[in-house]
């Protein structure tokens, strides 16, 4: 076999289950558990043969999302999911031997992207109660790392940082590209936008995978000053986003009421679920996002396996620092979470063998 370049041969890739999930109660990957607005399916059904045979056209897509945020189209660039935007950041700005600053635990795709570029990762652990390590992060920024990523709210801990604190950190590190991953901002209402656009060293990442329900179509956005977006879009292909995704995104963005109602439903379901789990004696950490961490009072691997046997998927955090005895639970609708509690009670009714 012809070997890949050394960085690829040594890479520990980000892996996620890809098959056999759709018939289950999917509470493992923080997706919208209802799916997108019905208008999205209607728009897709109207696509014709030319829409499929011709290369995609993107006119109006960035403007549609910019309008959602009260920004201009020049401040928004669309990507084939936020994963592609993350990779573009590292491809455009990651230098071999330079420092990549982040936290731990956090989204698992950042590290492989840094490793591919030969960067040196400095990951600062979250503090007591999974608090953001403000002082340690600020101190590390003083060393002028090339890139710094902050997921807000953090996935998987849910740690939510005030926007003002993030902006202050970015202002103190003008030579560092600070990337703020805001995939779950619709669930928190906390964002560094639009203030971050006054800074020349901040990129904000957003997605239609979570609250809008388009995870299967892969639409993400980078929001930044036009000069930064120009560099990011230089390292991606000209037709990375397909025509079906474009049509779906335009229609999803036109139905904000659907998104808002789902977000409100999740907020109510989250409060109810956290209360119900704590009443059952389970330790729960709930901060930002459409998910919580649960430390079950039985062995983690046994609980996760038993839930799967009962048709419920949750994401084990085994092996992750600070939270390795927990599982991440996506919050769906009130009805879905009631079903989860019923199956949870049944799954752990018998003691581990």
Protein backbone atom coordinates (compact mmCIF):
# COMPACT_ATOMS: atom_id res chain seq x y z
CA UNK A 1 0.00 0.00 0.00
CA UNK A 2 1.16 3.53 -0.75
CA UNK A 3 1.41 5.30 2.58
CA UNK A 4 -0.18 8.68 3.16
CA UNK A 5 1.81 11.63 4.37
CA UNK A 6 3.12 11.23 7.94
CA UNK A 7 0.49 13.49 9.53
CA UNK A 8 -2.29 11.30 8.11
CA UNK A 9 -0.63 8.03 9.08
CA UNK A 10 -0.32 9.29 12.67
CA UNK A 11 -3.80 10.82 12.81
CA UNK A 12 -6.33 9.83 15.45
CA UNK A 13 -9.48 10.68 13.44
CA UNK A 14 -12.79 11.93 14.73
CA UNK A 15 -15.25 9.05 14.51
CA UNK A 16 -18.99 9.00 15.00
CA UNK A 17 -21.59 6.24 14.47
CA UNK A 18 -23.06 6.59 11.00
CA UNK A 19 -25.51 3.73 10.54
CA UNK A 20 -28.59 2.20 12.11
CA UNK A 21 -29.80 5.23 14.04
CA UNK A 22 -32.96 6.32 12.26
CA UNK A 23 -35.37 3.78 13.76
CA UNK A 24 -34.31 4.73 17.30
CA UNK A 25 -35.13 7.58 19.64
CA UNK A 26 -32.12 9.68 18.59
CA UNK A 27 -30.92 11.53 21.67
CA UNK A 28 -27.20 11.16 20.97
CA UNK A 29 -26.10 13.78 18.41
CA UNK A 30 -27.99 16.94 19.34
CA UNK A 31 -30.06 16.91 16.16
CA UNK A 32 -33.47 18.48 15.78
CA UNK A 33 -35.61 15.50 16.79
CA UNK A 34 -38.66 16.57 14.75
CA UNK A 35 -36.97 17.49 11.51
CA UNK A 36 -37.17 20.66 9.42
CA UNK A 37 -40.11 22.87 8.54
CA UNK A 38 -42.61 21.16 6.20
CA UNK A 39 -41.82 23.96 3.78
CA UNK A 40 -38.36 22.45 3.35
CA UNK A 41 -39.75 19.14 2.10
CA UNK A 42 -42.10 21.00 -0.22
CA UNK A 43 -39.21 22.98 -1.69
CA UNK A 44 -37.17 19.83 -2.26
CA UNK A 45 -40.10 18.08 -3.93
CA UNK A 46 -40.35 20.92 -6.46
CA UNK A 47 -36.78 20.51 -7.71
CA UNK A 48 -36.58 19.52 -11.36
CA UNK A 49 -34.10 17.67 -13.50
CA UNK A 50 -32.17 20.84 -14.34
CA UNK A 51 -31.72 21.57 -10.62
CA UNK A 52 -30.01 18.20 -10.29
CA UNK A 53 -28.11 18.12 -13.59
CA UNK A 54 -26.67 21.64 -13.40
CA UNK A 55 -24.02 22.80 -10.98
CA UNK A 56 -25.43 24.59 -7.90
CA UNK A 57 -26.15 28.31 -7.81
CA UNK A 58 -25.74 30.10 -4.52
CA UNK A 59 -27.21 33.54 -5.17
CA UNK A 60 -29.09 34.78 -2.14
CA UNK A 61 -28.00 32.03 0.28
CA UNK A 62 -25.50 34.10 2.25
CA UNK A 63 -27.87 37.07 2.12
CA UNK A 64 -30.70 34.97 3.54
CA UNK A 65 -28.66 33.95 6.56
CA UNK A 66 -27.19 37.43 6.92
CA UNK A 67 -30.75 38.78 7.07
CA UNK A 68 -31.46 36.35 9.93
CA UNK A 69 -28.62 37.96 11.87
CA UNK A 70 -29.14 41.55 10.77
CA UNK A 71 -25.85 41.55 8.85
CA UNK A 72 -24.75 42.01 5.23
CA UNK A 73 -24.11 39.18 2.78
CA UNK A 74 -20.43 40.17 2.60
CA UNK A 75 -20.07 39.15 6.26
CA UNK A 76 -21.36 35.59 5.73
CA UNK A 77 -19.96 32.61 3.81
CA UNK A 78 -21.75 29.27 3.39
CA UNK A 79 -20.02 25.90 3.77
CA UNK A 80 -20.85 22.23 3.37
CA UNK A 81 -21.60 22.00 7.08
CA UNK A 82 -19.65 23.66 9.85
CA UNK A 83 -17.18 20.78 9.75
CA UNK A 84 -16.08 22.10 6.35
CA UNK A 85 -15.76 25.61 7.77
CA UNK A 86 -13.63 24.29 10.64
CA UNK A 87 -11.38 22.48 8.20
CA UNK A 88 -11.13 25.64 6.08
CA UNK A 89 -9.93 27.62 9.10
CA UNK A 90 -7.10 25.17 9.67
CA UNK A 91 -6.28 24.86 5.98
CA UNK A 92 -6.11 28.64 5.57
CA UNK A 93 -4.50 29.65 8.87
CA UNK A 94 -2.94 26.57 10.48
CA UNK A 95 0.86 26.55 10.38
CA UNK A 96 3.05 23.56 11.19
CA UNK A 97 4.62 23.98 14.60
CA UNK A 98 2.31 26.84 15.58
CA UNK A 99 0.04 26.61 18.63
CA UNK A 100 -3.64 25.73 18.53
CA UNK A 101 -5.35 26.78 21.75
CA UNK A 102 -8.58 25.18 22.89
CA UNK A 103 -10.31 23.66 25.91
CA UNK A 104 -11.03 20.10 27.00
CA UNK A 105 -13.28 18.33 26.70
CA UNK A 106 -14.72 20.00 23.61
CA UNK A 107 -15.89 19.14 20.09
CA UNK A 108 -13.70 16.30 18.86
CA UNK A 109 -13.15 17.46 15.28
CA UNK A 110 -10.93 20.43 16.15
CA UNK A 111 -7.95 18.33 17.24
CA UNK A 112 -7.62 16.14 14.10
CA UNK A 113 -7.72 19.27 11.93
CA UNK A 114 -4.90 20.78 13.99
CA UNK A 115 -2.91 17.55 13.87
CA UNK A 116 -3.16 17.41 10.07
CA UNK A 117 -1.50 20.81 9.92
CA UNK A 118 1.26 19.74 12.29
CA UNK A 119 0.12 22.23 14.94
CA UNK A 120 0.88 21.93 18.65
CA UNK A 121 -2.37 21.69 20.60
CA UNK A 122 -2.68 23.37 23.99
CA UNK A 123 -5.95 22.16 25.54
CA UNK A 124 -6.94 23.75 28.85
CA UNK A 125 -9.30 21.70 31.04
CA UNK A 126 -12.58 23.12 32.26
CA UNK A 127 -12.62 24.01 35.94
CA UNK A 128 -14.67 22.97 38.93
CA UNK A 129 -18.31 22.59 38.01
CA UNK A 130 -17.21 22.57 34.35
CA UNK A 131 -16.62 26.32 34.46
CA UNK A 132 -14.73 27.96 31.62
CA UNK A 133 -11.02 28.33 32.59
CA UNK A 134 -10.98 32.10 32.07
CA UNK A 135 -7.66 32.97 33.70
CA UNK A 136 -5.74 30.05 32.22
CA UNK A 137 -7.15 30.72 28.76
CA UNK A 138 -6.30 34.42 28.95
CA UNK A 139 -2.79 33.57 30.08
CA UNK A 140 -2.35 31.18 27.15
CA UNK A 141 -3.62 33.81 24.71
CA UNK A 142 -0.84 36.10 25.95
CA UNK A 143 1.57 33.68 24.28
CA UNK A 144 0.01 34.54 20.89
CA UNK A 145 -1.16 31.16 19.64
CA UNK A 146 -1.90 31.02 15.93
CA UNK A 147 -5.48 29.77 16.41
CA UNK A 148 -7.85 29.63 19.37
CA UNK A 149 -11.21 27.84 19.32
CA UNK A 150 -13.94 28.37 21.88
CA UNK A 151 -17.18 26.41 21.61
CA UNK A 152 -20.01 28.42 23.21
CA UNK A 153 -21.98 26.77 24.64
CA UNK A 154 -19.36 24.10 24.80
CA UNK A 155 -20.12 20.70 23.38
CA UNK A 156 -20.30 18.43 25.35
CA UNK A 157 -20.21 20.22 28.72
CA UNK A 158 -22.79 22.89 27.90
CA UNK A 159 -20.59 25.53 29.53
CA UNK A 160 -21.90 28.95 28.49
CA UNK A 161 -19.63 32.00 28.48
CA UNK A 162 -21.00 35.57 28.43
CA UNK A 163 -20.44 37.23 25.06
CA UNK A 164 -18.66 40.13 26.68
CA UNK A 165 -16.02 37.85 28.16
CA UNK A 166 -15.31 36.25 24.79
CA UNK A 167 -15.03 39.62 23.08
CA UNK A 168 -12.65 40.81 25.78
CA UNK A 169 -10.43 37.77 25.25
CA UNK A 170 -10.35 38.37 21.49
CA UNK A 171 -9.49 42.04 21.91
CA UNK A 172 -6.53 41.10 24.10
CA UNK A 173 -5.12 38.77 21.41
CA UNK A 174 -5.17 40.71 18.11
CA UNK A 175 -2.52 38.44 16.53
CA UNK A 176 -4.50 35.25 17.23
CA UNK A 177 -7.39 34.12 15.05
CA UNK A 178 -10.17 33.45 17.57
CA UNK A 179 -12.92 31.13 16.34
CA UNK A 180 -16.16 31.10 18.31
CA UNK A 181 -18.24 28.02 17.58
CA UNK A 182 -21.88 29.08 18.12
CA UNK A 183 -23.72 26.06 16.73
CA UNK A 184 -26.16 26.08 19.65
CA UNK A 185 -26.66 29.83 19.93
CA UNK A 186 -30.32 29.57 18.92
CA UNK A 187 -30.93 27.68 22.15
CA UNK A 188 -29.14 30.19 24.38
CA UNK A 189 -29.59 33.62 22.81
CA UNK A 190 -25.93 34.32 23.63
CA UNK A 191 -23.74 35.49 20.74
CA UNK A 192 -20.69 37.63 20.10
CA UNK A 193 -22.48 38.96 17.03
CA UNK A 194 -22.67 41.62 15.75
CA UNK A 195 -19.96 43.14 18.00
CA UNK A 196 -17.35 40.59 16.87
CA UNK A 197 -17.46 41.95 13.34
CA UNK A 198 -15.66 45.06 14.55
CA UNK A 199 -12.65 42.84 15.29
CA UNK A 200 -10.31 41.68 12.53
CA UNK A 201 -9.36 38.44 14.31
CA UNK A 202 -12.70 36.72 15.03
CA UNK A 203 -14.63 34.12 13.03
CA UNK A 204 -18.04 32.95 14.26
CA UNK A 205 -19.42 29.57 13.17
CA UNK A 206 -23.15 28.89 12.80
CA UNK A 207 -25.19 25.98 11.46
CA UNK A 208 -28.61 24.91 10.22
CA UNK A 209 -28.04 21.37 11.53
CA UNK A 210 -29.36 21.92 15.04
CA UNK A 211 -32.42 24.12 15.53
CA UNK A 212 -33.34 24.16 11.83
CA UNK A 213 -33.21 20.39 11.41
CA UNK A 214 -30.98 20.18 8.32
CA UNK A 215 -28.18 17.97 9.69
CA UNK A 216 -28.55 15.52 6.81
CA UNK A 217 -28.03 18.24 4.21
CA UNK A 218 -24.92 19.87 5.71
CA UNK A 219 -25.28 23.65 5.71
CA UNK A 220 -23.02 25.79 7.85
CA UNK A 221 -21.86 29.40 7.87
CA UNK A 222 -18.83 31.40 8.86
CA UNK A 223 -19.48 34.99 9.93
CA UNK A 224 -16.53 37.35 9.89
CA UNK A 225 -15.08 40.46 8.26
CA UNK A 226 -14.98 40.00 4.46
CA UNK A 227 -11.17 39.84 4.42
CA UNK A 228 -11.17 36.73 6.63
CA UNK A 229 -13.97 35.08 4.68
CA UNK A 230 -12.02 35.63 1.48
CA UNK A 231 -9.14 33.55 2.87
CA UNK A 232 -11.45 30.79 4.10
CA UNK A 233 -13.26 30.43 0.79
CA UNK A 234 -9.99 30.20 -1.12
CA UNK A 235 -9.35 26.72 0.30
CA UNK A 236 -12.72 25.08 -0.51
CA UNK A 237 -14.11 23.80 -3.79
CA UNK A 238 -16.35 25.98 -5.98
CA UNK A 239 -19.39 23.67 -5.68
CA UNK A 240 -19.06 22.13 -2.22
CA UNK A 241 -22.73 22.69 -1.30
CA UNK A 242 -25.28 20.76 -3.34
CA UNK A 243 -28.45 22.18 -4.91
CA UNK A 244 -30.83 20.24 -2.65
CA UNK A 245 -29.16 21.69 0.44
CA UNK A 246 -29.33 25.20 -1.00
CA UNK A 247 -33.06 24.93 -1.71
CA UNK A 248 -33.70 23.50 1.74
CA UNK A 249 -31.66 26.18 3.49
CA UNK A 250 -33.45 29.03 1.75
CA UNK A 251 -36.84 27.65 2.72
CA UNK A 252 -35.83 26.83 6.29
CA UNK A 253 -34.58 30.38 6.80
CA UNK A 254 -37.88 31.71 5.47
CA UNK A 255 -39.80 29.85 8.20
CA UNK A 256 -38.33 31.31 11.35
CA UNK A 257 -41.56 30.69 13.31
CA UNK A 258 -41.08 26.95 12.95
CA UNK A 259 -37.53 27.22 14.32
CA UNK A 260 -38.63 29.44 17.19
CA UNK A 261 -41.44 27.10 18.25
CA UNK A 262 -39.07 24.15 18.29
CA UNK A 263 -36.52 26.04 20.39
CA UNK A 264 -39.23 26.98 22.88
CA UNK A 265 -40.43 23.37 23.04
CA UNK A 266 -36.89 22.16 23.74
CA UNK A 267 -36.44 24.71 26.53
CA UNK A 268 -39.59 23.47 28.26
CA UNK A 269 -38.61 19.83 27.74
CA UNK A 270 -35.12 20.47 29.09
CA UNK A 271 -36.36 21.97 32.35
CA UNK A 272 -38.83 19.12 32.82
CA UNK A 273 -36.27 16.41 32.02
CA UNK A 274 -33.60 17.80 34.34
CA UNK A 275 -36.09 17.97 37.20
CA UNK A 276 -37.32 14.44 36.53
CA UNK A 277 -33.82 12.97 36.37
CA UNK A 278 -32.74 14.68 39.58
CA UNK A 279 -35.85 13.39 41.32
CA UNK A 280 -34.64 9.92 40.31
CA UNK A 281 -31.33 10.56 42.03
CA UNK A 282 -29.33 11.11 38.85
CA UNK A 283 -26.61 13.77 38.75
CA UNK A 284 -27.23 16.18 35.88
CA UNK A 285 -25.25 19.12 34.49
CA UNK A 286 -27.43 21.45 32.44
CA UNK A 287 -26.21 24.76 31.06
CA UNK A 288 -26.45 25.92 27.44
CA UNK A 289 -27.58 23.97 24.38
CA UNK A 290 -30.18 21.34 23.57
CA UNK A 291 -28.40 18.72 25.66
CA UNK A 292 -27.39 17.84 29.21
CA UNK A 293 -24.82 15.58 30.83
CA UNK A 294 -26.09 12.75 33.03
CA UNK A 295 -24.00 10.78 35.52
CA UNK A 296 -26.09 7.63 36.04
CA UNK A 297 -26.07 5.86 39.38
CA UNK A 298 -25.28 2.60 37.61
CA UNK A 299 -22.20 1.69 35.50
CA UNK A 300 -22.11 3.97 32.46
CA UNK A 301 -21.47 1.36 29.78
CA UNK A 302 -24.26 -0.83 31.15
CA UNK A 303 -26.76 2.06 31.18
CA UNK A 304 -25.90 3.15 27.64
CA UNK A 305 -26.20 -0.42 26.37
CA UNK A 306 -29.49 -0.99 28.20
CA UNK A 307 -30.94 2.20 26.75
CA UNK A 308 -29.92 1.07 23.27
CA UNK A 309 -31.71 -2.24 23.88
CA UNK A 310 -34.79 -0.17 24.70
CA UNK A 311 -34.47 1.83 21.47
CA UNK A 312 -32.84 4.96 22.92
CA UNK A 313 -29.51 6.32 21.72
CA UNK A 314 -27.41 8.54 24.00
CA UNK A 315 -23.74 9.52 23.62
CA UNK A 316 -21.32 7.99 26.09
CA UNK A 317 -18.60 10.33 27.31
CA UNK A 318 -16.35 7.44 28.34
CA UNK A 319 -12.70 8.36 27.97
CA UNK A 320 -13.23 12.11 28.01
CA UNK A 321 -11.51 14.09 30.77
CA UNK A 322 -13.68 15.34 33.65
CA UNK A 323 -16.90 13.81 32.30
CA UNK A 324 -15.89 10.22 31.52
CA UNK A 325 -18.59 8.70 33.76
CA UNK A 326 -21.46 10.53 32.08
CA UNK A 327 -23.56 10.36 28.95
CA UNK A 328 -24.76 13.29 26.87
CA UNK A 329 -28.51 13.42 26.43
CA UNK A 330 -30.03 15.40 23.57
CA UNK A 331 -33.26 17.15 24.50
CA UNK A 332 -36.16 16.69 22.12
CA UNK A 333 -39.83 17.56 22.53
CA UNK A 334 -41.74 17.16 25.78
CA UNK A 335 -43.43 14.06 24.38
CA UNK A 336 -40.12 12.53 23.34
CA UNK A 337 -38.51 13.22 26.70
CA UNK A 338 -41.46 11.65 28.50
CA UNK A 339 -40.88 8.58 26.33
CA UNK A 340 -37.18 8.69 27.21
CA UNK A 341 -37.96 8.71 30.94
CA UNK A 342 -40.31 5.76 30.55
CA UNK A 343 -37.65 3.76 28.71
CA UNK A 344 -34.92 4.92 31.10
CA UNK A 345 -36.89 3.67 34.09
CA UNK A 346 -37.48 0.35 32.35
CA UNK A 347 -33.89 0.01 31.21
CA UNK A 348 -32.39 0.38 34.68
CA UNK A 349 -35.14 -1.46 36.56
CA UNK A 350 -33.00 -4.59 36.81
CA UNK A 351 -29.59 -4.40 38.49
CA UNK A 352 -26.47 -4.95 36.37
CA UNK A 353 -25.56 -8.61 35.98
